[in-house]
N, C-alpha and C. Protein backbone atom coordinates (compact mmCIF):
# COMPACT_ATOMS: atom_id res chain seq x y z
N MET A 1 0.84 -1.20 0.00
CA MET A 1 0.00 0.00 0.00
C MET A 1 0.87 1.25 0.00
N ARG A 2 1.96 1.19 0.72
CA ARG A 2 2.84 2.35 0.78
C ARG A 2 3.46 2.65 -0.58
N LEU A 3 3.91 1.59 -1.27
CA LEU A 3 4.48 1.77 -2.61
C LEU A 3 3.41 2.27 -3.57
N ALA A 4 2.21 1.76 -3.44
CA ALA A 4 1.13 2.17 -4.34
C ALA A 4 0.84 3.65 -4.22
N SER A 5 1.00 4.21 -3.03
CA SER A 5 0.74 5.63 -2.84
C SER A 5 1.91 6.49 -3.30
N ILE A 6 3.12 5.92 -3.28
CA ILE A 6 4.31 6.68 -3.68
C ILE A 6 4.42 6.80 -5.19
N LEU A 7 4.08 5.73 -5.91
CA LEU A 7 4.28 5.72 -7.36
C LEU A 7 3.54 6.82 -8.09
N PRO A 8 2.25 7.10 -7.81
CA PRO A 8 1.59 8.21 -8.51
C PRO A 8 2.26 9.54 -8.26
N CYS A 9 2.74 9.75 -7.02
CA CYS A 9 3.43 11.00 -6.70
C CYS A 9 4.73 11.11 -7.50
N LEU A 10 5.44 9.99 -7.63
CA LEU A 10 6.68 9.99 -8.39
C LEU A 10 6.40 10.29 -9.85
N ALA A 11 5.38 9.65 -10.40
CA ALA A 11 5.02 9.88 -11.80
C ALA A 11 4.69 11.34 -12.04
N ALA A 12 3.95 11.94 -11.11
CA ALA A 12 3.60 13.35 -11.26
C ALA A 12 4.84 14.22 -11.23
N ALA A 13 5.78 13.86 -10.37
CA ALA A 13 7.01 14.65 -10.28
C ALA A 13 7.82 14.57 -11.56
N LEU A 14 7.87 13.36 -12.14
CA LEU A 14 8.66 13.17 -13.34
C LEU A 14 8.04 13.88 -14.54
N LEU A 15 6.72 13.91 -14.59
CA LEU A 15 6.04 14.47 -15.75
C LEU A 15 5.72 15.95 -15.60
N SER A 16 5.90 16.50 -14.42
CA SER A 16 5.56 17.90 -14.22
C SER A 16 6.52 18.78 -15.00
N GLY A 17 6.06 19.94 -15.36
CA GLY A 17 6.89 20.87 -16.11
C GLY A 17 6.11 22.12 -16.41
N CYS A 18 6.69 22.95 -17.24
CA CYS A 18 6.02 24.19 -17.58
C CYS A 18 6.58 24.73 -18.90
N ILE A 19 5.91 25.74 -19.41
CA ILE A 19 6.36 26.43 -20.61
C ILE A 19 6.39 27.92 -20.31
N THR A 20 7.49 28.56 -20.64
CA THR A 20 7.58 30.02 -20.52
C THR A 20 7.91 30.59 -21.89
N THR A 21 7.22 31.66 -22.24
CA THR A 21 7.38 32.28 -23.55
C THR A 21 7.66 33.76 -23.37
N SER A 22 8.66 34.24 -24.08
CA SER A 22 8.96 35.67 -24.06
C SER A 22 9.16 36.14 -25.50
N MET A 23 8.70 37.34 -25.79
CA MET A 23 8.91 37.89 -27.13
C MET A 23 8.78 39.40 -27.11
N GLN A 24 9.30 40.01 -28.15
CA GLN A 24 9.21 41.46 -28.33
C GLN A 24 8.92 41.74 -29.79
N GLY A 25 7.94 42.60 -30.05
CA GLY A 25 7.59 42.93 -31.43
C GLY A 25 7.53 44.43 -31.63
N TYR A 26 7.75 44.86 -32.88
CA TYR A 26 7.74 46.28 -33.23
C TYR A 26 6.93 46.48 -34.51
N ALA A 27 5.99 47.41 -34.46
CA ALA A 27 5.16 47.71 -35.63
C ALA A 27 5.71 48.93 -36.35
N ASP A 28 5.53 48.96 -37.66
CA ASP A 28 5.95 50.10 -38.46
C ASP A 28 5.14 51.34 -38.04
N ARG A 29 5.73 52.52 -38.18
CA ARG A 29 5.06 53.75 -37.77
C ARG A 29 3.85 54.05 -38.64
N ASP A 30 3.85 53.55 -39.87
CA ASP A 30 2.71 53.74 -40.76
C ASP A 30 1.91 52.45 -40.83
N PRO A 31 0.79 52.37 -40.14
CA PRO A 31 0.00 51.13 -40.13
C PRO A 31 -0.66 50.90 -41.48
N PRO A 32 -1.10 49.67 -41.74
CA PRO A 32 -1.80 49.39 -43.00
C PRO A 32 -3.15 50.12 -43.03
N ALA A 33 -3.72 50.26 -44.22
CA ALA A 33 -4.98 50.99 -44.38
C ALA A 33 -6.10 50.36 -43.56
N ARG A 34 -6.05 49.03 -43.40
CA ARG A 34 -7.06 48.32 -42.59
C ARG A 34 -6.39 47.11 -41.94
N PRO A 35 -6.97 46.63 -40.84
CA PRO A 35 -6.39 45.46 -40.16
C PRO A 35 -6.33 44.25 -41.09
N VAL A 36 -5.34 43.42 -40.87
CA VAL A 36 -5.15 42.21 -41.68
C VAL A 36 -6.27 41.22 -41.37
N LYS A 37 -6.91 40.73 -42.41
CA LYS A 37 -7.98 39.74 -42.27
C LYS A 37 -7.65 38.40 -42.93
N HIS A 38 -6.65 38.40 -43.78
CA HIS A 38 -6.28 37.17 -44.50
C HIS A 38 -4.77 37.18 -44.70
N LEU A 39 -4.11 36.19 -44.12
CA LEU A 39 -2.65 36.14 -44.25
C LEU A 39 -2.19 34.79 -44.76
N ALA A 40 -1.00 34.79 -45.31
CA ALA A 40 -0.33 33.56 -45.73
C ALA A 40 0.88 33.37 -44.83
N ALA A 41 1.05 32.18 -44.29
CA ALA A 41 2.15 31.91 -43.36
C ALA A 41 3.24 31.11 -44.06
N TYR A 42 4.47 31.63 -43.99
CA TYR A 42 5.63 30.96 -44.57
C TYR A 42 6.57 30.63 -43.40
N VAL A 43 6.69 29.34 -43.09
CA VAL A 43 7.46 28.90 -41.93
C VAL A 43 8.72 28.17 -42.37
N VAL A 44 9.85 28.62 -41.87
CA VAL A 44 11.14 27.96 -42.13
C VAL A 44 11.56 27.27 -40.83
N ALA A 45 11.45 25.94 -40.81
CA ALA A 45 11.73 25.16 -39.60
C ALA A 45 11.90 23.70 -40.00
N PRO A 46 12.44 22.86 -39.09
CA PRO A 46 12.48 21.42 -39.35
C PRO A 46 11.08 20.92 -39.69
N THR A 47 11.00 19.91 -40.55
CA THR A 47 9.71 19.48 -41.12
C THR A 47 8.60 19.28 -40.09
N GLY A 48 8.85 18.48 -39.06
CA GLY A 48 7.81 18.21 -38.07
C GLY A 48 7.37 19.47 -37.35
N LEU A 49 8.32 20.31 -37.00
CA LEU A 49 8.00 21.54 -36.28
C LEU A 49 7.29 22.53 -37.19
N ALA A 50 7.67 22.57 -38.46
CA ALA A 50 7.02 23.48 -39.42
C ALA A 50 5.54 23.13 -39.56
N THR A 51 5.24 21.84 -39.62
CA THR A 51 3.83 21.41 -39.71
C THR A 51 3.05 21.84 -38.49
N SER A 52 3.64 21.67 -37.31
CA SER A 52 2.97 22.08 -36.07
C SER A 52 2.76 23.59 -36.04
N PHE A 53 3.73 24.34 -36.53
CA PHE A 53 3.60 25.80 -36.57
C PHE A 53 2.45 26.21 -37.49
N GLN A 54 2.36 25.58 -38.66
CA GLN A 54 1.28 25.92 -39.58
C GLN A 54 -0.08 25.62 -38.95
N THR A 55 -0.19 24.49 -38.28
CA THR A 55 -1.44 24.13 -37.62
C THR A 55 -1.79 25.13 -36.52
N SER A 56 -0.80 25.49 -35.71
CA SER A 56 -1.04 26.42 -34.61
C SER A 56 -1.40 27.80 -35.12
N ILE A 57 -0.76 28.23 -36.20
CA ILE A 57 -1.08 29.55 -36.78
C ILE A 57 -2.52 29.57 -37.27
N ALA A 58 -2.93 28.52 -37.97
CA ALA A 58 -4.30 28.45 -38.48
C ALA A 58 -5.31 28.47 -37.32
N GLN A 59 -5.02 27.74 -36.26
CA GLN A 59 -5.92 27.68 -35.11
C GLN A 59 -5.99 29.03 -34.39
N GLU A 60 -4.83 29.65 -34.20
CA GLU A 60 -4.79 30.93 -33.50
C GLU A 60 -5.47 32.02 -34.33
N ALA A 61 -5.26 31.99 -35.64
CA ALA A 61 -5.90 32.98 -36.51
C ALA A 61 -7.42 32.81 -36.49
N ALA A 62 -7.87 31.57 -36.51
CA ALA A 62 -9.32 31.31 -36.51
C ALA A 62 -9.98 31.85 -35.26
N LYS A 63 -9.28 31.78 -34.12
CA LYS A 63 -9.84 32.31 -32.87
C LYS A 63 -10.11 33.80 -32.97
N ARG A 64 -9.35 34.47 -33.85
CA ARG A 64 -9.45 35.92 -33.96
C ARG A 64 -10.18 36.36 -35.23
N GLY A 65 -10.83 35.40 -35.89
CA GLY A 65 -11.60 35.73 -37.09
C GLY A 65 -10.76 36.05 -38.30
N ILE A 66 -9.56 35.46 -38.38
CA ILE A 66 -8.64 35.72 -39.49
C ILE A 66 -8.42 34.43 -40.28
N LEU A 67 -8.32 34.56 -41.59
CA LEU A 67 -7.97 33.42 -42.43
C LEU A 67 -6.45 33.31 -42.50
N ALA A 68 -5.95 32.09 -42.42
CA ALA A 68 -4.50 31.86 -42.49
C ALA A 68 -4.24 30.68 -43.42
N ASP A 69 -3.54 30.94 -44.51
CA ASP A 69 -3.20 29.90 -45.48
C ASP A 69 -1.73 29.54 -45.37
N ASP A 70 -1.42 28.32 -45.72
CA ASP A 70 -0.04 27.87 -45.82
C ASP A 70 0.53 28.41 -47.14
N ALA A 71 1.60 29.17 -47.06
CA ALA A 71 2.18 29.77 -48.26
C ALA A 71 2.60 28.71 -49.28
N TYR A 72 2.99 27.52 -48.78
CA TYR A 72 3.41 26.46 -49.68
C TYR A 72 2.23 25.88 -50.47
N ILE A 73 1.01 26.08 -49.97
CA ILE A 73 -0.15 25.60 -50.72
C ILE A 73 -0.50 26.61 -51.82
N LEU A 74 -0.36 27.88 -51.48
CA LEU A 74 -0.62 28.92 -52.48
C LEU A 74 0.47 28.93 -53.56
N LEU A 75 1.69 28.72 -53.12
CA LEU A 75 2.84 28.73 -54.04
C LEU A 75 3.65 27.45 -53.80
N PRO A 76 3.24 26.34 -54.38
CA PRO A 76 3.92 25.05 -54.13
C PRO A 76 5.42 25.13 -54.46
N PRO A 77 6.26 24.54 -53.62
CA PRO A 77 7.72 24.59 -53.83
C PRO A 77 8.20 23.64 -54.92
N THR A 78 7.46 23.60 -56.00
CA THR A 78 7.85 22.75 -57.13
C THR A 78 8.74 23.49 -58.12
N ARG A 79 8.80 24.81 -57.97
CA ARG A 79 9.62 25.63 -58.86
C ARG A 79 9.86 26.98 -58.20
N SER A 80 10.64 27.81 -58.87
CA SER A 80 10.91 29.15 -58.36
C SER A 80 9.89 30.13 -58.92
N TYR A 81 9.58 31.17 -58.14
CA TYR A 81 8.63 32.19 -58.57
C TYR A 81 9.31 33.55 -58.53
N ASN A 82 9.03 34.37 -59.52
CA ASN A 82 9.57 35.73 -59.47
C ASN A 82 8.61 36.61 -58.67
N ASP A 83 9.03 37.83 -58.41
CA ASP A 83 8.26 38.72 -57.57
C ASP A 83 6.87 38.99 -58.14
N ALA A 84 6.79 39.17 -59.45
CA ALA A 84 5.50 39.46 -60.09
C ALA A 84 4.54 38.30 -59.93
N GLU A 85 5.04 37.06 -60.06
CA GLU A 85 4.18 35.89 -59.92
C GLU A 85 3.66 35.75 -58.49
N ILE A 86 4.52 36.02 -57.54
CA ILE A 86 4.12 35.92 -56.13
C ILE A 86 3.03 36.94 -55.82
N ARG A 87 3.26 38.17 -56.25
CA ARG A 87 2.27 39.23 -56.00
C ARG A 87 0.93 38.90 -56.66
N LYS A 88 0.98 38.33 -57.85
CA LYS A 88 -0.24 38.01 -58.58
C LYS A 88 -1.06 36.95 -57.84
N VAL A 89 -0.39 35.90 -57.37
CA VAL A 89 -1.09 34.84 -56.64
C VAL A 89 -1.68 35.37 -55.34
N LEU A 90 -0.91 36.17 -54.61
CA LEU A 90 -1.40 36.71 -53.34
C LEU A 90 -2.57 37.66 -53.55
N ALA A 91 -2.51 38.44 -54.60
CA ALA A 91 -3.61 39.37 -54.90
C ALA A 91 -4.86 38.60 -55.32
N ALA A 92 -4.67 37.54 -56.09
CA ALA A 92 -5.81 36.75 -56.57
C ALA A 92 -6.53 36.04 -55.43
N THR A 93 -5.79 35.72 -54.36
CA THR A 93 -6.38 35.03 -53.20
C THR A 93 -6.73 35.99 -52.07
N ASN A 94 -6.60 37.30 -52.35
CA ASN A 94 -6.96 38.34 -51.37
C ASN A 94 -6.18 38.25 -50.07
N VAL A 95 -4.90 37.91 -50.17
CA VAL A 95 -4.03 37.86 -48.99
C VAL A 95 -3.59 39.28 -48.64
N ASP A 96 -3.87 39.69 -47.41
CA ASP A 96 -3.50 41.04 -46.96
C ASP A 96 -2.04 41.15 -46.55
N ALA A 97 -1.50 40.05 -46.00
CA ALA A 97 -0.14 40.10 -45.47
C ALA A 97 0.46 38.70 -45.46
N VAL A 98 1.79 38.67 -45.48
CA VAL A 98 2.52 37.39 -45.40
C VAL A 98 3.28 37.37 -44.08
N LEU A 99 3.05 36.33 -43.29
CA LEU A 99 3.74 36.15 -42.02
C LEU A 99 4.89 35.18 -42.24
N ILE A 100 6.11 35.67 -42.12
CA ILE A 100 7.31 34.86 -42.34
C ILE A 100 7.92 34.54 -40.97
N ILE A 101 8.11 33.27 -40.70
CA ILE A 101 8.64 32.85 -39.41
C ILE A 101 9.84 31.93 -39.61
N ASN A 102 10.96 32.29 -39.00
CA ASN A 102 12.16 31.45 -39.00
C ASN A 102 12.34 30.88 -37.60
N VAL A 103 12.47 29.56 -37.52
CA VAL A 103 12.50 28.88 -36.22
C VAL A 103 13.83 28.16 -36.02
N GLY A 104 14.40 28.36 -34.85
CA GLY A 104 15.57 27.61 -34.41
C GLY A 104 15.19 26.78 -33.21
N ASP A 105 15.61 25.52 -33.17
CA ASP A 105 15.13 24.63 -32.12
C ASP A 105 16.23 23.68 -31.67
N THR A 106 16.31 23.47 -30.35
CA THR A 106 17.32 22.53 -29.81
C THR A 106 16.87 21.09 -29.94
N GLY A 107 15.56 20.87 -30.19
CA GLY A 107 15.03 19.53 -30.09
C GLY A 107 14.88 19.17 -28.62
N VAL A 108 14.41 17.96 -28.35
CA VAL A 108 14.20 17.52 -26.96
C VAL A 108 15.54 17.10 -26.37
N VAL A 109 15.90 17.72 -25.25
CA VAL A 109 17.14 17.39 -24.54
C VAL A 109 16.79 16.55 -23.32
N ARG A 110 17.41 15.37 -23.22
CA ARG A 110 17.15 14.48 -22.10
C ARG A 110 18.39 14.39 -21.23
N GLU A 111 18.23 14.67 -19.92
CA GLU A 111 19.34 14.63 -18.97
C GLU A 111 19.04 13.64 -17.85
N TYR A 112 20.05 12.90 -17.47
CA TYR A 112 19.90 11.94 -16.37
C TYR A 112 19.73 12.69 -15.05
N ALA A 113 18.71 12.33 -14.27
CA ALA A 113 18.43 13.06 -13.03
C ALA A 113 18.44 12.16 -11.79
N GLY A 114 18.93 10.93 -11.93
CA GLY A 114 18.98 10.04 -10.77
C GLY A 114 18.29 8.71 -11.04
N THR A 115 18.20 7.89 -10.01
CA THR A 115 17.60 6.56 -10.12
C THR A 115 16.57 6.36 -9.01
N PHE A 116 15.43 5.82 -9.38
CA PHE A 116 14.39 5.51 -8.40
C PHE A 116 14.43 3.99 -8.12
N PHE A 117 14.47 3.65 -6.83
CA PHE A 117 14.52 2.24 -6.44
C PHE A 117 13.30 1.92 -5.59
N GLN A 118 12.60 0.85 -5.93
CA GLN A 118 11.46 0.39 -5.14
C GLN A 118 11.63 -1.09 -4.86
N ALA A 119 11.21 -1.52 -3.66
CA ALA A 119 11.43 -2.92 -3.26
C ALA A 119 10.33 -3.37 -2.30
N GLU A 120 10.20 -4.68 -2.20
CA GLU A 120 9.28 -5.31 -1.25
C GLU A 120 10.06 -6.34 -0.43
N TYR A 121 9.72 -6.40 0.87
CA TYR A 121 10.42 -7.33 1.76
C TYR A 121 9.39 -8.22 2.45
N SER A 122 9.69 -9.49 2.52
CA SER A 122 8.85 -10.43 3.29
C SER A 122 9.78 -11.36 4.06
N GLY A 123 9.42 -11.66 5.31
CA GLY A 123 10.28 -12.53 6.11
C GLY A 123 9.66 -12.83 7.47
N SER A 124 10.44 -13.48 8.30
CA SER A 124 9.97 -13.85 9.64
C SER A 124 11.12 -13.76 10.63
N THR A 125 10.77 -13.56 11.90
CA THR A 125 11.76 -13.46 12.96
C THR A 125 11.33 -14.34 14.14
N ASP A 126 12.26 -15.16 14.67
CA ASP A 126 12.00 -16.02 15.85
C ASP A 126 12.94 -15.60 16.98
N ILE A 127 12.38 -15.33 18.13
CA ILE A 127 13.18 -14.92 19.28
C ILE A 127 12.74 -15.73 20.50
N SER A 128 13.71 -16.20 21.27
CA SER A 128 13.43 -16.88 22.54
C SER A 128 14.42 -16.38 23.58
N GLY A 129 14.07 -16.52 24.86
CA GLY A 129 14.98 -16.03 25.90
C GLY A 129 14.56 -16.45 27.29
N THR A 130 15.34 -16.04 28.24
CA THR A 130 15.06 -16.34 29.66
C THR A 130 15.15 -15.07 30.48
N VAL A 131 14.36 -15.04 31.55
CA VAL A 131 14.38 -13.91 32.48
C VAL A 131 14.85 -14.43 33.84
N THR A 132 15.87 -13.85 34.35
CA THR A 132 16.40 -14.23 35.67
C THR A 132 16.20 -13.07 36.63
N ARG A 133 15.58 -13.38 37.80
CA ARG A 133 15.29 -12.33 38.78
C ARG A 133 16.14 -12.53 40.02
N SER A 134 16.72 -11.46 40.43
CA SER A 134 17.50 -11.49 41.67
C SER A 134 17.10 -10.27 42.48
N GLY A 135 16.30 -10.50 43.48
CA GLY A 135 15.78 -9.38 44.26
C GLY A 135 14.84 -8.54 43.41
N ASN A 136 15.16 -7.25 43.41
CA ASN A 136 14.34 -6.33 42.60
C ASN A 136 14.89 -6.14 41.19
N VAL A 137 15.87 -6.90 40.82
CA VAL A 137 16.50 -6.75 39.50
C VAL A 137 16.24 -7.98 38.66
N SER A 138 15.80 -7.75 37.41
CA SER A 138 15.59 -8.85 36.47
C SER A 138 16.53 -8.67 35.29
N SER A 139 17.07 -9.74 34.82
CA SER A 139 17.92 -9.70 33.63
C SER A 139 17.30 -10.60 32.57
N VAL A 140 17.42 -10.15 31.33
CA VAL A 140 16.81 -10.86 30.22
C VAL A 140 17.90 -11.26 29.23
N ALA A 141 17.87 -12.46 28.79
CA ALA A 141 18.78 -12.95 27.75
C ALA A 141 17.94 -13.43 26.58
N LEU A 142 18.18 -12.85 25.44
CA LEU A 142 17.40 -13.19 24.24
C LEU A 142 18.31 -13.72 23.16
N ALA A 143 17.79 -14.63 22.39
CA ALA A 143 18.50 -15.16 21.22
C ALA A 143 17.46 -15.38 20.13
N GLY A 144 17.82 -15.07 18.93
CA GLY A 144 16.84 -15.25 17.86
C GLY A 144 17.47 -15.23 16.49
N SER A 145 16.64 -15.41 15.52
CA SER A 145 17.10 -15.40 14.13
C SER A 145 16.01 -14.80 13.25
N THR A 146 16.42 -14.21 12.16
CA THR A 146 15.47 -13.63 11.20
C THR A 146 15.88 -14.02 9.79
N SER A 147 14.90 -14.21 8.96
CA SER A 147 15.17 -14.54 7.57
C SER A 147 14.10 -13.90 6.69
N GLY A 148 14.47 -13.54 5.52
CA GLY A 148 13.49 -12.90 4.63
C GLY A 148 14.04 -12.73 3.23
N THR A 149 13.17 -12.22 2.38
CA THR A 149 13.53 -12.00 0.98
C THR A 149 13.12 -10.59 0.56
N MET A 150 14.02 -9.91 -0.11
CA MET A 150 13.71 -8.57 -0.64
C MET A 150 13.88 -8.61 -2.15
N THR A 151 12.89 -8.12 -2.86
CA THR A 151 12.98 -8.01 -4.31
C THR A 151 12.72 -6.55 -4.69
N GLY A 152 13.48 -6.07 -5.65
CA GLY A 152 13.33 -4.66 -6.02
C GLY A 152 13.71 -4.41 -7.46
N ILE A 153 13.42 -3.20 -7.90
CA ILE A 153 13.74 -2.79 -9.26
C ILE A 153 14.15 -1.32 -9.23
N SER A 154 15.13 -0.99 -10.03
CA SER A 154 15.59 0.39 -10.11
C SER A 154 15.30 0.93 -11.51
N SER A 155 14.90 2.19 -11.57
CA SER A 155 14.56 2.82 -12.84
C SER A 155 15.25 4.17 -12.94
N PRO A 156 15.91 4.44 -14.07
CA PRO A 156 16.55 5.75 -14.23
C PRO A 156 15.51 6.85 -14.40
N ILE A 157 15.79 8.02 -13.89
CA ILE A 157 14.93 9.19 -14.03
C ILE A 157 15.61 10.20 -14.93
N HIS A 158 14.85 10.74 -15.90
CA HIS A 158 15.42 11.72 -16.82
C HIS A 158 14.62 13.02 -16.78
N ARG A 159 15.31 14.11 -17.00
CA ARG A 159 14.70 15.43 -17.06
C ARG A 159 14.68 15.87 -18.52
N TYR A 160 13.54 16.38 -18.99
CA TYR A 160 13.39 16.77 -20.39
C TYR A 160 13.24 18.28 -20.51
N SER A 161 13.91 18.85 -21.52
CA SER A 161 13.79 20.29 -21.75
C SER A 161 13.92 20.59 -23.24
N ARG A 162 13.50 21.80 -23.62
CA ARG A 162 13.56 22.20 -25.03
C ARG A 162 13.56 23.71 -25.12
N GLN A 163 14.34 24.23 -26.06
CA GLN A 163 14.38 25.67 -26.32
C GLN A 163 14.04 25.91 -27.80
N THR A 164 13.05 26.76 -28.04
CA THR A 164 12.66 27.11 -29.40
C THR A 164 12.70 28.63 -29.55
N ALA A 165 13.52 29.10 -30.47
CA ALA A 165 13.62 30.54 -30.73
C ALA A 165 13.02 30.81 -32.10
N PHE A 166 12.38 31.97 -32.25
CA PHE A 166 11.77 32.31 -33.53
C PHE A 166 11.94 33.79 -33.85
N ARG A 167 12.02 34.07 -35.13
CA ARG A 167 12.02 35.44 -35.64
C ARG A 167 10.88 35.53 -36.65
N ALA A 168 10.06 36.56 -36.53
CA ALA A 168 8.88 36.68 -37.38
C ALA A 168 8.81 38.06 -38.01
N ARG A 169 8.15 38.10 -39.17
CA ARG A 169 7.99 39.37 -39.89
C ARG A 169 6.67 39.34 -40.64
N LEU A 170 5.92 40.42 -40.57
CA LEU A 170 4.66 40.55 -41.28
C LEU A 170 4.86 41.53 -42.43
N VAL A 171 4.67 41.03 -43.65
CA VAL A 171 4.98 41.82 -44.85
C VAL A 171 3.70 42.12 -45.62
N GLU A 172 3.60 43.34 -46.11
CA GLU A 172 2.48 43.76 -46.95
C GLU A 172 2.81 43.45 -48.41
N PRO A 173 2.08 42.54 -49.04
CA PRO A 173 2.43 42.11 -50.41
C PRO A 173 2.40 43.24 -51.44
N ALA A 174 1.44 44.13 -51.31
CA ALA A 174 1.29 45.19 -52.32
C ALA A 174 2.50 46.12 -52.39
N THR A 175 3.11 46.38 -51.23
CA THR A 175 4.24 47.32 -51.19
C THR A 175 5.58 46.65 -50.88
N GLY A 176 5.54 45.45 -50.28
CA GLY A 176 6.77 44.76 -49.90
C GLY A 176 7.36 45.26 -48.60
N ARG A 177 6.70 46.18 -47.93
CA ARG A 177 7.26 46.72 -46.69
C ARG A 177 6.87 45.86 -45.49
N SER A 178 7.70 45.91 -44.48
CA SER A 178 7.44 45.16 -43.25
C SER A 178 6.51 45.96 -42.36
N LEU A 179 5.38 45.36 -42.04
CA LEU A 179 4.42 46.00 -41.14
C LEU A 179 4.78 45.77 -39.67
N TRP A 180 5.50 44.68 -39.42
CA TRP A 180 5.82 44.30 -38.04
C TRP A 180 6.97 43.30 -38.06
N VAL A 181 7.84 43.40 -37.07
CA VAL A 181 8.90 42.41 -36.86
C VAL A 181 8.92 42.03 -35.39
N GLY A 182 9.27 40.79 -35.11
CA GLY A 182 9.33 40.34 -33.72
C GLY A 182 10.21 39.13 -33.56
N SER A 183 10.60 38.87 -32.34
CA SER A 183 11.41 37.68 -32.05
C SER A 183 11.08 37.22 -30.64
N GLY A 184 11.29 35.95 -30.39
CA GLY A 184 10.97 35.43 -29.07
C GLY A 184 11.56 34.06 -28.84
N GLU A 185 11.28 33.52 -27.67
CA GLU A 185 11.82 32.22 -27.27
C GLU A 185 10.82 31.49 -26.39
N VAL A 186 10.74 30.19 -26.60
CA VAL A 186 9.89 29.32 -25.78
C VAL A 186 10.80 28.33 -25.06
N SER A 187 10.69 28.29 -23.74
CA SER A 187 11.44 27.33 -22.93
C SER A 187 10.46 26.34 -22.32
N ALA A 188 10.66 25.06 -22.59
CA ALA A 188 9.75 24.04 -22.10
C ALA A 188 10.51 23.04 -21.24
N GLY A 189 9.86 22.57 -20.19
CA GLY A 189 10.45 21.56 -19.32
C GLY A 189 9.40 20.54 -18.91
N GLY A 190 9.79 19.29 -18.78
CA GLY A 190 8.83 18.23 -18.43
C GLY A 190 8.42 17.46 -19.66
N ARG A 191 8.27 16.16 -19.51
CA ARG A 191 8.04 15.29 -20.66
C ARG A 191 6.75 15.63 -21.41
N LEU A 192 5.75 16.12 -20.70
CA LEU A 192 4.47 16.42 -21.34
C LEU A 192 4.49 17.73 -22.11
N PHE A 193 5.55 18.52 -21.96
CA PHE A 193 5.54 19.87 -22.49
C PHE A 193 6.60 20.14 -23.56
N VAL A 194 7.33 19.12 -23.99
CA VAL A 194 8.44 19.35 -24.90
C VAL A 194 8.14 18.92 -26.33
N GLY A 195 6.89 18.61 -26.64
CA GLY A 195 6.53 18.20 -27.99
C GLY A 195 6.46 19.37 -28.95
N ASN A 196 6.41 19.06 -30.26
CA ASN A 196 6.32 20.10 -31.28
C ASN A 196 5.09 20.98 -31.08
N GLY A 197 3.97 20.34 -30.72
CA GLY A 197 2.73 21.08 -30.58
C GLY A 197 2.79 22.15 -29.52
N SER A 198 3.41 21.86 -28.38
CA SER A 198 3.48 22.82 -27.28
C SER A 198 4.31 24.04 -27.67
N SER A 199 5.48 23.80 -28.27
CA SER A 199 6.36 24.91 -28.67
C SER A 199 5.70 25.76 -29.75
N ALA A 200 5.09 25.11 -30.74
CA ALA A 200 4.46 25.84 -31.83
C ALA A 200 3.26 26.64 -31.34
N SER A 201 2.44 26.04 -30.50
CA SER A 201 1.25 26.72 -29.99
C SER A 201 1.62 27.94 -29.17
N SER A 202 2.62 27.82 -28.30
CA SER A 202 3.05 28.94 -27.47
C SER A 202 3.62 30.07 -28.33
N SER A 203 4.39 29.70 -29.35
CA SER A 203 4.97 30.71 -30.24
C SER A 203 3.88 31.45 -31.02
N ALA A 204 2.94 30.70 -31.58
CA ALA A 204 1.86 31.30 -32.37
C ALA A 204 1.01 32.23 -31.51
N THR A 205 0.71 31.81 -30.30
CA THR A 205 -0.08 32.65 -29.39
C THR A 205 0.63 33.96 -29.10
N ALA A 206 1.93 33.88 -28.82
CA ALA A 206 2.71 35.08 -28.52
C ALA A 206 2.72 36.03 -29.72
N ILE A 207 2.89 35.49 -30.91
CA ILE A 207 2.93 36.32 -32.12
C ILE A 207 1.60 37.02 -32.34
N PHE A 208 0.52 36.28 -32.28
CA PHE A 208 -0.79 36.87 -32.54
C PHE A 208 -1.21 37.83 -31.43
N ASP A 209 -0.81 37.55 -30.21
CA ASP A 209 -1.09 38.49 -29.11
C ASP A 209 -0.43 39.83 -29.39
N ASP A 210 0.82 39.79 -29.87
CA ASP A 210 1.53 41.04 -30.13
C ASP A 210 0.96 41.76 -31.35
N LEU A 211 0.60 41.01 -32.38
CA LEU A 211 -0.03 41.64 -33.55
C LEU A 211 -1.34 42.30 -33.15
N SER A 212 -2.08 41.65 -32.27
CA SER A 212 -3.34 42.23 -31.81
C SER A 212 -3.09 43.48 -30.96
N ALA A 213 -2.08 43.42 -30.10
CA ALA A 213 -1.75 44.58 -29.26
C ALA A 213 -1.32 45.78 -30.11
N LYS A 214 -0.67 45.49 -31.24
CA LYS A 214 -0.23 46.58 -32.13
C LYS A 214 -1.34 46.99 -33.11
N ARG A 215 -2.51 46.36 -32.98
CA ARG A 215 -3.68 46.68 -33.79
C ARG A 215 -3.46 46.44 -35.30
N LEU A 216 -2.69 45.42 -35.57
CA LEU A 216 -2.47 45.04 -36.97
C LEU A 216 -3.49 44.00 -37.43
N ILE A 217 -4.12 43.33 -36.47
CA ILE A 217 -5.15 42.35 -36.79
C ILE A 217 -6.40 42.66 -35.98
């Protein structure tokens, strides 16, 4: 029973963690004629992380009533496009702005944090003795033996962490000027918090929060 109560606590300790996100963004002094309602996202990142970023951007944009397309769907990377072709496609799809994100990532870092040992013991003890009394004083002599069996298992404990840094820029297709630039970092710790989805979601939220604060969306 004692081991049964300890194991859930240990599991919680091993899996506990958190995510902290910090970023800073700057908007151009001349805002666009109207808030951005439709953007195309161009993400430069490792394949798995890029997919998570695109998903998180689409979800975060939808929460704010904004359309967000994957730039690779609008302009498939099957060939090169000149500036005129890019502008034409973006204009035809009514894209107000292009969100360009460059991501640097450490990947999941696993560090050894110790070993957990659990065991069970079963056994028996036999004791016999004599009591000798002399006046008001008694003396006791005991002799005995004990035998038992202990079985146990040891498990290594690891600590998980991840650092994701990003640089983002919001570009107006019609003029080519940058409406906003920003950069930030996501620090994640704990096995449940170091996946692609957590880093991408936190980054996308930070970016859209800042765009909203700057009244660009």
